[in-house]
PDB file of N, CA and C in Angstrom:
ATOM      1  N   VAL A   1      -8.018  14.282 -15.815  1.00  0.00           N
ATOM      2  CA  VAL A   1      -7.304  13.180 -15.418  1.00  0.00           C
ATOM      3  C   VAL A   1      -7.783  12.001 -16.157  1.00  0.00           C
ATOM      4  N   THR A   2      -6.961  11.032 -16.715  1.00  0.00           N
ATOM      5  CA  THR A   2      -7.396  10.038 -17.303  1.00  0.00           C
ATOM      6  C   THR A   2      -7.764   8.929 -16.267  1.00  0.00           C
ATOM      7  N   PRO A   3      -8.634   7.798 -16.785  1.00  0.00           N
ATOM      8  CA  PRO A   3      -8.788   6.847 -15.937  1.00  0.00           C
ATOM      9  C   PRO A   3      -7.836   5.899 -15.677  1.00  0.00           C
ATOM     10  N   GLN A   4      -6.720   5.930 -16.464  1.00  0.00           N
ATOM     11  CA  GLN A   4      -5.550   5.186 -16.218  1.00  0.00           C
ATOM     12  C   GLN A   4      -4.650   5.616 -14.808  1.00  0.00           C
ATOM     13  N   VAL A   5      -4.823   6.977 -14.924  1.00  0.00           N
ATOM     14  CA  VAL A   5      -4.124   7.513 -13.698  1.00  0.00           C
ATOM     15  C   VAL A   5      -4.706   7.536 -12.407  1.00  0.00           C
ATOM     16  N   THR A   6      -6.082   7.532 -12.563  1.00  0.00           N
ATOM     17  CA  THR A   6      -7.024   7.438 -11.305  1.00  0.00           C
ATOM     18  C   THR A   6      -7.769   6.252 -11.311  1.00  0.00           C
ATOM     19  N   PRO A   7      -7.426   4.944 -11.180  1.00  0.00           N
ATOM     20  CA  PRO A   7      -8.275   3.648 -11.082  1.00  0.00           C
ATOM     21  C   PRO A   7      -8.955   3.705  -9.973  1.00  0.00           C
ATOM     22  N   GLN A   8     -10.094   2.908 -10.149  1.00  0.00           N
ATOM     23  CA  GLN A   8     -10.836   2.819  -8.894  1.00  0.00           C
ATOM     24  C   GLN A   8     -10.104   1.951  -7.955  1.00  0.00           C
ATOM     25  N   VAL A   9      -9.987   2.202  -6.691  1.00  0.00           N
ATOM     26  CA  VAL A   9      -9.467   1.482  -5.844  1.00  0.00           C
ATOM     27  C   VAL A   9     -10.585   1.273  -4.550  1.00  0.00           C
ATOM     28  N   THR A  10     -10.303   0.295  -3.856  1.00  0.00           N
ATOM     29  CA  THR A  10     -11.140   0.093  -2.712  1.00  0.00           C
ATOM     30  C   THR A  10     -10.810   0.850  -1.450  1.00  0.00           C
ATOM     31  N   PRO A  11     -11.595   1.167  -0.644  1.00  0.00           N
ATOM     32  CA  PRO A  11     -11.352   2.098   0.516  1.00  0.00           C
ATOM     33  C   PRO A  11     -10.228   1.652   1.271  1.00  0.00           C
ATOM     34  N   GLN A  12     -10.006   0.184   1.408  1.00  0.00           N
ATOM     35  CA  GLN A  12      -8.811  -0.307   2.226  1.00  0.00           C
ATOM     36  C   GLN A  12      -7.438   0.028   1.342  1.00  0.00           C
ATOM     37  N   VAL A  13      -7.598  -0.095   0.058  1.00  0.00           N
ATOM     38  CA  VAL A  13      -6.358   0.009  -0.498  1.00  0.00           C
ATOM     39  C   VAL A  13      -5.877   1.626  -0.640  1.00  0.00           C
ATOM     40  N   GLU A  14      -6.970   2.411  -0.633  1.00  0.00           N
ATOM     41  CA  GLU A  14      -6.861   3.733  -0.630  1.00  0.00           C
ATOM     42  C   GLU A  14      -6.218   4.273   0.841  1.00  0.00           C
ATOM     43  N   ASN A  15      -6.613   3.557   1.744  1.00  0.00           N
ATOM     44  CA  ASN A  15      -5.982   3.827   3.213  1.00  0.00           C
ATOM     45  C   ASN A  15      -4.648   3.391   3.188  1.00  0.00           C
ATOM     46  N   VAL A  16      -4.169   2.452   2.553  1.00  0.00           N
ATOM     47  CA  VAL A  16      -2.808   1.974   2.486  1.00  0.00           C
ATOM     48  C   VAL A  16      -2.053   2.881   1.812  1.00  0.00           C
ATOM     49  N   ILE A  17      -2.532   3.398   0.650  1.00  0.00           N
ATOM     50  CA  ILE A  17      -1.912   4.372  -0.235  1.00  0.00           C
ATOM     51  C   ILE A  17      -1.535   5.569   0.514  1.00  0.00           C
ATOM     52  N   ARG A  18      -2.749   6.090   1.220  1.00  0.00           N
ATOM     53  CA  ARG A  18      -2.576   7.323   1.835  1.00  0.00           C
ATOM     54  C   ARG A  18      -1.722   7.191   3.169  1.00  0.00           C
ATOM     55  N   GLY A  19      -1.554   6.124   3.648  1.00  0.00           N
ATOM     56  CA  GLY A  19      -0.956   5.847   5.137  1.00  0.00           C
ATOM     57  C   GLY A  19       0.627   5.588   4.721  1.00  0.00           C
ATOM     58  N   THR A  20       0.900   5.327   3.506  1.00  0.00           N
ATOM     59  CA  THR A  20       2.416   4.867   3.334  1.00  0.00           C
ATOM     60  C   THR A  20       3.321   6.112   3.026  1.00  0.00           C
ATOM     61  N   MET A  21       4.408   6.107   4.034  1.00  0.00           N
ATOM     62  CA  MET A  21       5.167   7.218   3.903  1.00  0.00           C
ATOM     63  C   MET A  21       6.506   6.655   3.994  1.00  0.00           C
ATOM     64  N   GLY A  22       7.289   6.816   2.776  1.00  0.00           N
ATOM     65  CA  GLY A  22       8.494   6.193   2.360  1.00  0.00           C
ATOM     66  C   GLY A  22       8.451   4.716   2.559  1.00  0.00           C
ATOM     67  N   GLU A  23       9.409   4.225   3.229  1.00  0.00           N
ATOM     68  CA  GLU A  23       9.363   2.790   3.300  1.00  0.00           C
ATOM     69  C   GLU A  23       9.057   2.537   4.664  1.00  0.00           C
ATOM     70  N   MET A  24       8.025   1.439   4.870  1.00  0.00           N
ATOM     71  CA  MET A  24       7.282   1.166   6.238  1.00  0.00           C
ATOM     72  C   MET A  24       7.283  -0.326   6.078  1.00  0.00           C
ATOM     73  N   THR A  25       7.250  -0.934   7.485  1.00  0.00           N
ATOM     74  CA  THR A  25       7.185  -2.268   7.830  1.00  0.00           C
ATOM     75  C   THR A  25       5.710  -2.594   7.949  1.00  0.00           C
ATOM     76  N   ARG A  26       5.360  -3.909   7.825  1.00  0.00           N
ATOM     77  CA  ARG A  26       3.902  -4.165   8.239  1.00  0.00           C
ATOM     78  C   ARG A  26       3.302  -3.566   9.400  1.00  0.00           C
ATOM     79  N   SER A  27       4.104  -3.658  10.267  1.00  0.00           N
ATOM     80  CA  SER A  27       3.650  -3.372  11.694  1.00  0.00           C
ATOM     81  C   SER A  27       3.411  -1.863  11.640  1.00  0.00           C
ATOM     82  N   GLU A  28       4.389  -1.029  10.968  1.00  0.00           N
ATOM     83  CA  GLU A  28       4.047   0.450  10.931  1.00  0.00           C
ATOM     84  C   GLU A  28       3.096   0.841  10.227  1.00  0.00           C
ATOM     85  N   LEU A  29       2.715   0.091   9.071  1.00  0.00           N
ATOM     86  CA  LEU A  29       1.466   0.423   8.471  1.00  0.00           C
ATOM     87  C   LEU A  29       0.165   0.063   9.226  1.00  0.00           C
ATOM     88  N   MET A  30       0.229  -1.051   9.840  1.00  0.00           N
ATOM     89  CA  MET A  30      -0.887  -1.517  10.641  1.00  0.00           C
ATOM     90  C   MET A  30      -1.047  -0.295  11.783  1.00  0.00           C
ATOM     91  N   GLY A  31      -0.010   0.256  12.381  1.00  0.00           N
ATOM     92  CA  GLY A  31      -0.218   1.417  13.260  1.00  0.00           C
ATOM     93  C   GLY A  31      -0.690   2.459  12.752  1.00  0.00           C
ATOM     94  N   VAL A  32      -0.296   2.881  11.671  1.00  0.00           N
ATOM     95  CA  VAL A  32      -0.849   4.105  10.969  1.00  0.00           C
ATOM     96  C   VAL A  32      -2.230   3.940  10.699  1.00  0.00           C
ATOM     97  N   LEU A  33      -2.753   2.668  10.345  1.00  0.00           N
ATOM     98  CA  LEU A  33      -4.198   2.438  10.003  1.00  0.00           C
ATOM     99  C   LEU A  33      -4.974   2.004  11.274  1.00  0.00           C
ATOM    100  N   HIS A  34      -4.321   2.072  12.326  1.00  0.00           N
ATOM    101  CA  HIS A  34      -5.015   1.509  13.594  1.00  0.00           C
ATOM    102  C   HIS A  34      -5.698   0.293  13.536  1.00  0.00           C
ATOM    103  N   LEU A  35      -4.842  -0.748  13.119  1.00  0.00           N
ATOM    104  CA  LEU A  35      -5.451  -2.067  12.842  1.00  0.00           C
ATOM    105  C   LEU A  35      -4.420  -3.092  13.491  1.00  0.00           C
ATOM    106  N   LYS A  36      -5.132  -4.037  14.226  1.00  0.00           N
ATOM    107  CA  LYS A  36      -4.335  -5.128  14.953  1.00  0.00           C
ATOM    108  C   LYS A  36      -4.196  -6.534  14.433  1.00  0.00           C
ATOM    109  N   ASP A  37      -5.079  -6.678  13.799  1.00  0.00           N
ATOM    110  CA  ASP A  37      -5.301  -8.214  13.240  1.00  0.00           C
ATOM    111  C   ASP A  37      -4.292  -8.389  11.981  1.00  0.00           C
ATOM    112  N   ARG A  38      -3.417  -9.227  12.066  1.00  0.00           N
ATOM    113  CA  ARG A  38      -2.437  -9.137  10.824  1.00  0.00           C
ATOM    114  C   ARG A  38      -3.039  -9.792   9.747  1.00  0.00           C
ATOM    115  N   MET A  39      -3.722 -10.864   9.889  1.00  0.00           N
ATOM    116  CA  MET A  39      -4.500 -11.698   8.907  1.00  0.00           C
ATOM    117  C   MET A  39      -5.401 -10.866   8.181  1.00  0.00           C
ATOM    118  N   HIS A  40      -6.203 -10.087   8.748  1.00  0.00           N
ATOM    119  CA  HIS A  40      -7.207  -9.074   8.193  1.00  0.00           C
ATOM    120  C   HIS A  40      -6.479  -7.988   7.489  1.00  0.00           C
ATOM    121  N   PHE A  41      -5.386  -7.565   8.034  1.00  0.00           N
ATOM    122  CA  PHE A  41      -4.725  -6.487   7.319  1.00  0.00           C
ATOM    123  C   PHE A  41      -4.069  -6.966   5.905  1.00  0.00           C
ATOM    124  N   ALA A  42      -3.461  -8.138   6.152  1.00  0.00           N
ATOM    125  CA  ALA A  42      -2.962  -8.868   4.960  1.00  0.00           C
ATOM    126  C   ALA A  42      -4.124  -9.132   3.810  1.00  0.00           C
ATOM    127  N   ARG A  43      -5.059  -9.739   4.032  1.00  0.00           N
ATOM    128  CA  ARG A  43      -6.018 -10.136   3.312  1.00  0.00           C
ATOM    129  C   ARG A  43      -6.866  -8.908   2.619  1.00  0.00           C
ATOM    130  N   GLU A  44      -7.299  -7.975   3.391  1.00  0.00           N
ATOM    131  CA  GLU A  44      -8.045  -6.772   2.993  1.00  0.00           C
ATOM    132  C   GLU A  44      -7.287  -5.657   2.523  1.00  0.00           C
ATOM    133  N   TYR A  45      -6.038  -5.419   2.993  1.00  0.00           N
ATOM    134  CA  TYR A  45      -5.486  -4.314   2.652  1.00  0.00           C
ATOM    135  C   TYR A  45      -4.310  -4.352   1.949  1.00  0.00           C
ATOM    136  N   LEU A  46      -3.214  -5.097   2.399  1.00  0.00           N
ATOM    137  CA  LEU A  46      -1.873  -5.195   2.070  1.00  0.00           C
ATOM    138  C   LEU A  46      -1.916  -5.966   0.811  1.00  0.00           C
ATOM    139  N   LEU A  47      -2.399  -7.247   0.483  1.00  0.00           N
ATOM    140  CA  LEU A  47      -2.170  -8.020  -0.596  1.00  0.00           C
ATOM    141  C   LEU A  47      -3.178  -7.292  -1.643  1.00  0.00           C
ATOM    142  N   PRO A  48      -4.240  -6.840  -1.586  1.00  0.00           N
ATOM    143  CA  PRO A  48      -4.883  -5.990  -2.603  1.00  0.00           C
ATOM    144  C   PRO A  48      -4.038  -4.740  -3.231  1.00  0.00           C
ATOM    145  N   ALA A  49      -3.352  -4.026  -2.395  1.00  0.00           N
ATOM    146  CA  ALA A  49      -2.532  -3.134  -2.722  1.00  0.00           C
ATOM    147  C   ALA A  49      -1.289  -3.604  -3.446  1.00  0.00           C
ATOM    148  N   LEU A  50      -0.769  -4.564  -3.101  1.00  0.00           N
ATOM    149  CA  LEU A  50       0.280  -5.250  -3.735  1.00  0.00           C
ATOM    150  C   LEU A  50      -0.136  -5.808  -4.991  1.00  0.00           C
ATOM    151  N   HIS A  51      -1.121  -6.361  -5.250  1.00  0.00           N
ATOM    152  CA  HIS A  51      -1.599  -6.835  -6.500  1.00  0.00           C
ATOM    153  C   HIS A  51      -2.020  -6.019  -7.430  1.00  0.00           C
ATOM    154  N   THR A  52      -2.624  -4.806  -7.157  1.00  0.00           N
ATOM    155  CA  THR A  52      -2.964  -3.776  -8.040  1.00  0.00           C
ATOM    156  C   THR A  52      -1.754  -3.014  -8.331  1.00  0.00           C
ATOM    157  N   GLY A  53      -0.613  -3.208  -7.757  1.00  0.00           N
ATOM    158  CA  GLY A  53       0.497  -2.411  -7.997  1.00  0.00           C
ATOM    159  C   GLY A  53       0.632  -1.088  -7.505  1.00  0.00           C
ATOM    160  N   PHE A  54      -0.057  -0.739  -6.558  1.00  0.00           N
ATOM    161  CA  PHE A  54       0.094   0.386  -5.719  1.00  0.00           C
ATOM    162  C   PHE A  54       1.203   0.585  -4.919  1.00  0.00           C
ATOM    163  N   ILE A  55       1.560  -0.649  -4.279  1.00  0.00           N
ATOM    164  CA  ILE A  55       2.971  -0.630  -3.338  1.00  0.00           C
ATOM    165  C   ILE A  55       3.610  -1.701  -3.886  1.00  0.00           C
ATOM    166  N   GLU A  56       4.937  -1.695  -3.273  1.00  0.00           N
ATOM    167  CA  GLU A  56       5.611  -2.767  -3.634  1.00  0.00           C
ATOM    168  C   GLU A  56       6.677  -3.184  -2.521  1.00  0.00           C
ATOM    169  N   LEU A  57       7.293  -4.466  -2.561  1.00  0.00           N
ATOM    170  CA  LEU A  57       8.263  -5.002  -1.527  1.00  0.00           C
ATOM    171  C   LEU A  57       9.474  -4.321  -1.702  1.00  0.00           C
ATOM    172  N   THR A  58      10.217  -3.957  -0.675  1.00  0.00           N
ATOM    173  CA  THR A  58      11.588  -3.300  -0.728  1.00  0.00           C
ATOM    174  C   THR A  58      12.489  -4.515  -0.889  1.00  0.00           C
ATOM    175  N   ILE A  59      12.134  -5.670  -0.575  1.00  0.00           N
ATOM    176  CA  ILE A  59      13.118  -7.050  -0.842  1.00  0.00           C
ATOM    177  C   ILE A  59      12.182  -7.968  -1.580  1.00  0.00           C
ATOM    178  N   PRO A  60      11.919  -7.732  -2.987  1.00  0.00           N
ATOM    179  CA  PRO A  60      11.105  -8.761  -3.806  1.00  0.00           C
ATOM    180  C   PRO A  60      11.402 -10.098  -3.806  1.00  0.00           C
ATOM    181  N   ASP A  61      12.652 -10.335  -3.871  1.00  0.00           N
ATOM    182  CA  ASP A  61      12.982 -11.768  -3.825  1.00  0.00           C
ATOM    183  C   ASP A  61      12.961 -12.553  -2.688  1.00  0.00           C
ATOM    184  N   LYS A  62      12.574 -11.716  -1.469  1.00  0.00           N
ATOM    185  CA  LYS A  62      12.420 -12.523  -0.199  1.00  0.00           C
ATOM    186  C   LYS A  62      11.233 -11.947   0.462  1.00  0.00           C
ATOM    187  N   PRO A  63       9.866 -12.314  -0.117  1.00  0.00           N
ATOM    188  CA  PRO A  63       8.792 -11.524   0.511  1.00  0.00           C
ATOM    189  C   PRO A  63       8.521 -11.951   2.176  1.00  0.00           C
ATOM    190  N   ARG A  64       9.191 -12.918   2.599  1.00  0.00           N
ATOM    191  CA  ARG A  64       9.035 -13.242   4.170  1.00  0.00           C
ATOM    192  C   ARG A  64      10.294 -12.697   4.841  1.00  0.00           C
ATOM    193  N   SER A  65      11.043 -11.877   4.282  1.00  0.00           N
ATOM    194  CA  SER A  65      12.086 -11.431   5.146  1.00  0.00           C
ATOM    195  C   SER A  65      11.692 -10.550   6.284  1.00  0.00           C
ATOM    196  N   SER A  66      12.434 -10.750   7.545  1.00  0.00           N
ATOM    197  CA  SER A  66      12.046  -9.941   8.675  1.00  0.00           C
ATOM    198  C   SER A  66      12.494  -8.428   8.365  1.00  0.00           C
ATOM    199  N   ARG A  67      13.183  -8.219   7.514  1.00  0.00           N
ATOM    200  CA  ARG A  67      13.389  -6.789   7.176  1.00  0.00           C
ATOM    201  C   ARG A  67      12.575  -6.282   6.079  1.00  0.00           C
ATOM    202  N   GLN A  68      11.520  -6.947   5.586  1.00  0.00           N
ATOM    203  CA  GLN A  68      10.764  -6.482   4.501  1.00  0.00           C
ATOM    204  C   GLN A  68       9.930  -5.251   4.927  1.00  0.00           C
ATOM    205  N   LYS A  69       9.863  -4.288   3.840  1.00  0.00           N
ATOM    206  CA  LYS A  69       9.304  -3.049   4.153  1.00  0.00           C
ATOM    207  C   LYS A  69       8.475  -2.896   2.725  1.00  0.00           C
ATOM    208  N   TYR A  70       7.610  -1.899   2.758  1.00  0.00           N
ATOM    209  CA  TYR A  70       6.794  -1.554   1.648  1.00  0.00           C
ATOM    210  C   TYR A  70       6.876  -0.117   1.329  1.00  0.00           C
ATOM    211  N   ARG A  71       6.692   0.212   0.109  1.00  0.00           N
ATOM    212  CA  ARG A  71       6.520   1.610  -0.420  1.00  0.00           C
ATOM    213  C   ARG A  71       5.894   1.555  -1.470  1.00  0.00           C
ATOM    214  N   LEU A  72       5.330   3.110  -1.891  1.00  0.00           N
ATOM    215  CA  LEU A  72       4.358   3.306  -2.989  1.00  0.00           C
ATOM    216  C   LEU A  72       5.293   2.986  -4.314  1.00  0.00           C
ATOM    217  N   THR A  73       4.763   2.534  -5.137  1.00  0.00           N
ATOM    218  CA  THR A  73       5.058   2.466  -6.540  1.00  0.00           C
ATOM    219  C   THR A  73       4.867   3.693  -7.355  1.00  0.00           C
ATOM    220  N   ASP A  74       5.238   3.947  -8.498  1.00  0.00           N
ATOM    221  CA  ASP A  74       5.126   5.172  -9.217  1.00  0.00           C
ATOM    222  C   ASP A  74       3.472   5.348  -9.544  1.00  0.00           C
ATOM    223  N   LYS A  75       2.819   4.176  -9.763  1.00  0.00           N
ATOM    224  CA  LYS A  75       1.537   4.073  -9.932  1.00  0.00           C
ATOM    225  C   LYS A  75       0.762   4.647  -8.558  1.00  0.00           C
ATOM    226  N   GLY A  76       1.317   4.268  -7.475  1.00  0.00           N
ATOM    227  CA  GLY A  76       0.688   4.729  -6.252  1.00  0.00           C
ATOM    228  C   GLY A  76       0.797   6.089  -5.966  1.00  0.00           C
ATOM    229  N   ARG A  77       1.948   6.505  -6.248  1.00  0.00           N
ATOM    230  CA  ARG A  77       2.285   8.008  -6.146  1.00  0.00           C
ATOM    231  C   ARG A  77       1.466   8.859  -7.162  1.00  0.00           C
ATOM    232  N   ALA A  78       1.360   8.288  -8.359  1.00  0.00           N
ATOM    233  CA  ALA A  78       0.445   9.093  -9.352  1.00  0.00           C
ATOM    234  C   ALA A  78      -0.921   9.150  -9.116  1.00  0.00           C
ATOM    235  N   TRP A  79      -1.360   8.087  -8.374  1.00  0.00           N
ATOM    236  CA  TRP A  79      -2.911   8.127  -7.893  1.00  0.00           C
ATOM    237  C   TRP A  79      -3.039   9.045  -6.802  1.00  0.00           C
ATOM    238  N   LEU A  80      -2.134   8.996  -6.028  1.00  0.00           N
ATOM    239  CA  LEU A  80      -2.101   9.975  -4.750  1.00  0.00           C
ATOM    240  C   LEU A  80      -2.037  11.389  -5.235  1.00  0.00           C
ATOM    241  N   ALA A  81      -1.204  11.743  -6.164  1.00  0.00           N
ATOM    242  CA  ALA A  81      -0.951  13.103  -6.644  1.00  0.00           C
ATOM    243  C   ALA A  81      -2.571  13.437  -7.268  1.00  0.00           C
ATOM    244  N   SER A  82      -3.079  12.482  -8.101  1.00  0.00           N
ATOM    245  CA  SER A  82      -4.321  12.827  -8.764  1.00  0.00           C
ATOM    246  C   SER A  82      -5.624  13.024  -7.664  1.00  0.00           C
ATOM    247  N   THR A  83      -5.462  12.546  -6.722  1.00  0.00           N
ATOM    248  CA  THR A  83      -6.586  12.659  -5.890  1.00  0.00           C
ATOM    249  C   THR A  83      -6.419  13.797  -4.860  1.00  0.00           C
ATOM    250  N   ARG A  84      -5.462  14.504  -4.701  1.00  0.00           N
ATOM    251  CA  ARG A  84      -5.123  15.559  -3.839  1.00  0.00           C
ATOM    252  C   ARG A  84      -5.675  16.792  -4.447  1.00  0.00           C
ATOM    253  N   PRO A  85      -6.292  17.689  -3.773  1.00  0.00           N
ATOM    254  CA  PRO A  85      -6.962  18.855  -4.210  1.00  0.00           C
ATOM    255  C   PRO A  85      -5.818  19.892  -4.673  1.00  0.00           C
TER     256      PRO A  85
END
């Protein structure tokens, strides 16, 4: 497996990748990860996963939409597939 397919990710981003199933709201992701602090989740988990391109917004032109959800990108799915035994 090449380094491009399996880039280094933080444990927090790894948790987001592994916890994302289909399209999920912020609250659903926080629930899967057993986190309660929205700011901590955004700063340490969600934003790094978004900035590294492992997850994406379902409504990218409205990032603050109440209907916003998150899903894995092709990069996120490739990383996940490359790390499974």
